[in-house]
Protein backbone atom coordinates (compact mmCIF):
# COMPACT_ATOMS: atom_id res chain seq x y z
CA MET A 1 -99.18 114.77 19.11
CA THR A 2 -100.15 118.75 19.26
CA THR A 3 -97.41 121.02 18.33
CA PRO A 4 -97.22 123.32 20.82
CA VAL A 5 -97.77 126.76 19.09
CA HIS A 6 -94.96 129.89 20.87
CA LEU A 7 -96.11 133.47 20.08
CA ALA A 8 -93.93 135.68 18.75
CA ARG A 9 -92.70 137.90 22.01
CA PRO A 10 -93.15 141.97 20.49
CA HIS A 11 -89.06 142.74 20.21
CA ALA A 12 -87.68 146.40 22.31
CA ALA A 13 -87.38 148.74 20.55
CA SER A 14 -84.17 149.30 18.75
CA PRO A 15 -81.33 151.54 20.84
CA ILE A 16 -80.62 153.01 17.01
CA LEU A 17 -83.85 153.84 16.83
CA LEU A 18 -84.84 155.96 20.11
CA ARG A 19 -81.58 157.47 19.20
CA LEU A 20 -82.14 159.12 16.38
CA ALA A 21 -86.64 159.66 18.14
CA PRO A 22 -85.12 162.64 19.32
CA LEU A 23 -82.67 163.45 16.13
CA ALA A 24 -86.84 163.86 13.82
CA ALA A 25 -87.33 165.74 16.83
CA LEU A 26 -84.52 167.62 15.93
CA VAL A 27 -84.82 168.49 11.87
CA ALA A 28 -88.59 168.70 12.01
CA ALA A 29 -88.31 172.11 14.03
CA ALA A 30 -85.86 173.24 12.13
CA LEU A 31 -87.82 173.45 8.81
CA LEU A 32 -91.24 174.58 11.74
CA LEU A 33 -89.22 177.94 12.67
CA LEU A 34 -87.20 177.59 8.14
CA LEU A 35 -91.44 177.37 7.40
CA THR A 36 -92.88 180.58 9.20
CA ALA A 37 -89.82 182.81 9.29
CA ALA A 38 -89.93 183.00 5.18
CA PRO A 39 -93.43 184.97 5.31
CA ALA A 40 -92.79 186.46 8.00
CA SER A 41 -89.82 188.78 6.18
CA ALA A 42 -91.75 188.65 3.35
CA HIS A 43 -92.71 192.62 4.89
CA ASP A 44 -91.24 194.95 1.79
CA THR A 45 -89.22 197.41 2.76
CA LEU A 46 -88.71 201.61 2.31
CA VAL A 47 -85.81 201.67 -0.03
CA SER A 48 -85.24 205.84 -0.67
CA SER A 49 -87.06 208.89 -0.14
CA ASP A 50 -87.36 212.56 -1.84
CA PRO A 51 -86.27 214.42 0.38
CA GLU A 52 -83.77 211.87 1.86
CA ASP A 53 -83.94 211.21 5.45
CA GLY A 54 -82.06 214.23 7.80
CA ALA A 55 -81.90 216.50 4.91
CA THR A 56 -81.82 220.01 5.27
CA LEU A 57 -83.72 221.18 2.42
CA GLU A 58 -83.87 226.03 1.55
CA THR A 59 -86.74 225.92 0.53
CA SER A 60 -90.33 223.84 1.12
CA PRO A 61 -90.76 220.66 -0.57
CA GLU A 62 -93.70 220.17 -2.71
CA GLN A 63 -94.15 216.92 -2.54
CA ILE A 64 -93.78 213.38 -0.99
CA THR A 65 -91.91 209.67 -2.38
CA LEU A 66 -91.56 207.61 -0.87
CA ASP A 67 -90.60 204.44 -2.83
CA TYR A 68 -89.89 200.69 -1.32
CA SER A 69 -88.75 197.65 -2.04
CA ALA A 70 -91.72 195.68 -3.69
CA ASP A 71 -95.37 197.19 -4.56
CA VAL A 72 -97.41 197.69 -2.00
CA LEU A 73 -100.89 198.08 -1.72
CA ASP A 74 -103.70 200.45 -2.28
CA VAL A 75 -104.89 200.40 1.32
CA SER A 76 -105.66 203.43 2.66
CA PRO A 77 -102.05 205.05 2.58
CA VAL A 78 -101.50 207.68 4.83
CA VAL A 79 -98.84 210.15 5.25
CA ARG A 80 -97.90 213.36 7.69
CA ILE A 81 -95.98 215.37 8.39
CA ALA A 82 -95.09 216.83 12.13
CA GLY A 83 -93.52 219.39 13.59
CA LYS A 84 -90.34 220.31 15.76
CA ASP A 85 -92.80 220.34 18.74
CA GLY A 86 -94.44 216.48 16.91
CA GLU A 87 -97.66 218.55 15.94
CA VAL A 88 -99.14 218.08 12.76
CA VAL A 89 -99.14 220.59 10.34
CA ALA A 90 -99.71 218.95 7.97
CA GLU A 91 -102.55 216.23 6.97
CA LEU A 92 -101.57 214.72 2.74
CA ASP A 93 -103.33 212.94 0.63
CA PRO A 94 -100.81 210.48 -0.97
CA LYS A 95 -101.51 208.34 -4.46
CA VAL A 96 -99.91 204.21 -4.50
CA ASP A 97 -98.32 203.70 -8.34
CA GLY A 98 -96.77 200.52 -7.53
CA SER A 99 -93.66 200.56 -5.37
CA THR A 100 -94.07 204.15 -5.11
CA VAL A 101 -96.28 206.45 -3.29
CA SER A 102 -96.55 210.30 -3.83
CA ALA A 103 -97.71 213.21 -1.03
CA ALA A 104 -98.19 217.06 -2.80
CA LEU A 105 -98.09 219.47 0.00
CA ASP A 106 -100.79 221.82 -0.90
CA GLU A 107 -98.86 224.96 1.25
CA PRO A 108 -95.16 225.44 2.19
CA LEU A 109 -93.29 224.75 4.54
CA ALA A 110 -92.62 228.20 7.29
CA ALA A 111 -88.24 227.09 8.37
CA GLY A 112 -87.82 224.68 10.36
CA ASP A 113 -87.40 220.68 11.83
CA TYR A 114 -90.21 218.17 10.35
CA GLU A 115 -90.40 214.53 11.05
CA VAL A 116 -92.65 212.50 7.18
CA ARG A 117 -95.34 209.70 9.39
CA TRP A 118 -95.67 207.27 7.27
CA ARG A 119 -98.31 203.90 6.83
CA VAL A 120 -98.98 201.46 3.91
CA VAL A 121 -100.06 197.60 3.41
CA SER A 122 -97.17 195.43 2.54
CA SER A 123 -97.42 193.69 -0.75
CA ASP A 124 -97.82 191.36 1.46
CA GLY A 125 -101.52 192.16 4.01
CA HIS A 126 -99.32 192.78 6.58
CA PRO A 127 -99.14 196.63 7.45
CA ILE A 128 -96.04 198.92 8.11
CA GLU A 129 -95.24 202.03 8.57
CA GLY A 130 -91.45 204.63 9.89
CA THR A 131 -90.77 208.17 10.27
CA GLN A 132 -88.57 210.28 8.24
CA THR A 133 -86.70 213.59 9.03
CA PHE A 134 -85.51 216.85 6.66
CA THR A 135 -85.12 220.23 7.72
CA VAL A 136 -86.91 223.43 5.91
CA GLU A 137 -83.76 226.19 5.79
CA GLN A 138 -86.01 229.48 4.19
CA GLY A 139 -89.66 229.85 4.67
CA VAL A 140 -92.40 231.45 2.80
CA SER A 141 -95.03 234.66 3.53
CA GLY A 142 -97.48 232.89 4.55
CA ALA A 143 -96.30 228.89 4.78
CA VAL A 144 -97.10 226.26 7.30
CA SER A 145 -95.65 227.37 10.43
CA ASP A 146 -94.17 224.03 12.98
CA ALA A 147 -94.92 225.23 15.79
CA GLY A 148 -98.01 223.56 16.80
CA GLY A 149 -98.91 223.61 13.78
CA GLN A 150 -100.68 226.67 13.10
CA THR A 151 -101.54 228.68 9.75
CA SER A 152 -101.67 232.21 9.29
CA ALA A 153 -104.88 233.53 7.99
CA PRO A 154 -106.15 237.05 6.76
CA ALA A 155 -107.75 240.07 8.85
CA SER A 156 -110.79 239.66 10.40
CA ASP A 157 -113.34 242.71 8.66
CA ALA A 158 -113.04 243.53 12.41
CA GLY A 159 -109.56 244.73 12.18
CA GLY A 160 -108.40 242.06 13.53
CA ALA A 161 -105.33 239.42 13.10
CA THR A 162 -106.90 235.50 13.06
CA SER A 163 -105.07 232.94 12.46
CA ALA A 164 -106.70 229.04 12.23
CA PRO A 165 -105.35 225.46 12.86
CA ALA A 166 -104.33 223.08 10.91
CA GLU A 167 -106.82 220.54 11.65
CA THR A 168 -104.96 217.11 13.58
CA THR A 169 -105.47 214.26 13.68
CA ALA A 170 -103.39 211.64 16.25
CA PRO A 171 -99.38 210.37 15.04
CA VAL A 172 -99.38 206.85 13.41
CA ALA A 173 -97.26 205.69 15.51
CA GLN A 174 -93.28 206.00 14.85
CA GLY A 175 -91.94 202.38 13.84
CA SER A 176 -88.30 202.22 11.71
CA GLY A 177 -87.68 202.73 8.18
CA SER A 178 -89.30 200.13 7.73
CA GLY A 179 -91.41 199.54 9.41
CA ASP A 180 -90.56 195.91 9.94
CA SER A 181 -92.77 194.30 13.46
CA GLU A 182 -92.42 190.56 12.47
CA GLY A 183 -88.88 189.27 11.66
CA GLY A 184 -88.23 186.29 11.20
CA ALA A 185 -86.37 183.25 13.13
CA PRO A 186 -83.32 184.30 14.53
CA VAL A 187 -79.96 183.37 11.84
CA VAL A 188 -77.88 182.38 15.24
CA LEU A 189 -80.88 180.18 16.68
CA ILE A 190 -80.71 178.52 12.86
CA VAL A 191 -77.23 177.30 13.16
CA VAL A 192 -77.36 176.45 16.46
CA ILE A 193 -79.78 173.69 15.28
CA VAL A 194 -78.09 172.70 12.41
CA VAL A 195 -75.70 171.66 14.38
CA ALA A 196 -77.72 169.97 16.57
CA VAL A 197 -78.39 168.12 13.82
CA LEU A 198 -75.77 166.81 12.09
CA ALA A 199 -73.83 166.05 15.82
CA VAL A 200 -76.48 164.02 16.28
CA ALA A 201 -76.39 162.15 13.42
CA GLY A 202 -73.02 161.96 13.70
CA GLY A 203 -73.15 159.96 16.88
CA ALA A 204 -76.72 157.87 15.35
CA VAL A 205 -74.54 156.85 12.07
CA ALA A 206 -71.26 155.89 14.61
CA ALA A 207 -73.44 153.22 16.65
CA LEU A 208 -74.58 152.33 14.05
CA ARG A 209 -71.14 150.88 13.16
CA ARG A 210 -70.39 149.54 16.19
CA ARG A 211 -73.34 147.51 16.52
CA LYS A 212 -71.96 145.91 12.77
């Protein structure tokens, strides 16, 4: 006599596993946020400058010095000085030395308000930019003017005074002092995810205890 063979019937998914599925999804989302936030927050930042931002100087500075939180890349750095009307009055030739960028002024600045516009490449390969301001109280003869970006020139052979406008280029887009365009995941969002994960985990543990 042949014994009937009973095929095993598939078990339905455990309610506990169904409860743990959202928990696993939340944990994966939190880890993804943390992993993507780390590189974004690694951009270098400007930590100090000479002249300092907002400084008032008796005479024109001889150079602009910018110090960053880490070594920046020597890849097409930009340092420009604009007058109060927004026109670029000096296109400087910056030098990169580790975390320091310096740019000498070929000619002194006249009395007035100025804005330093800078752009460098962060050590993580991302370009960063920003602005600094300073004021010169006393100008000197033949100094670069902050009105329209012009420099005075000697009289011509015909006896008429001439002026040669300084070469201007499109200004660097203004940014914050650090220039960091990408931010990490908000701390509040991470805290909310962690709290939600703990709540779901607590519910799953309580359900397991009730089943026992």
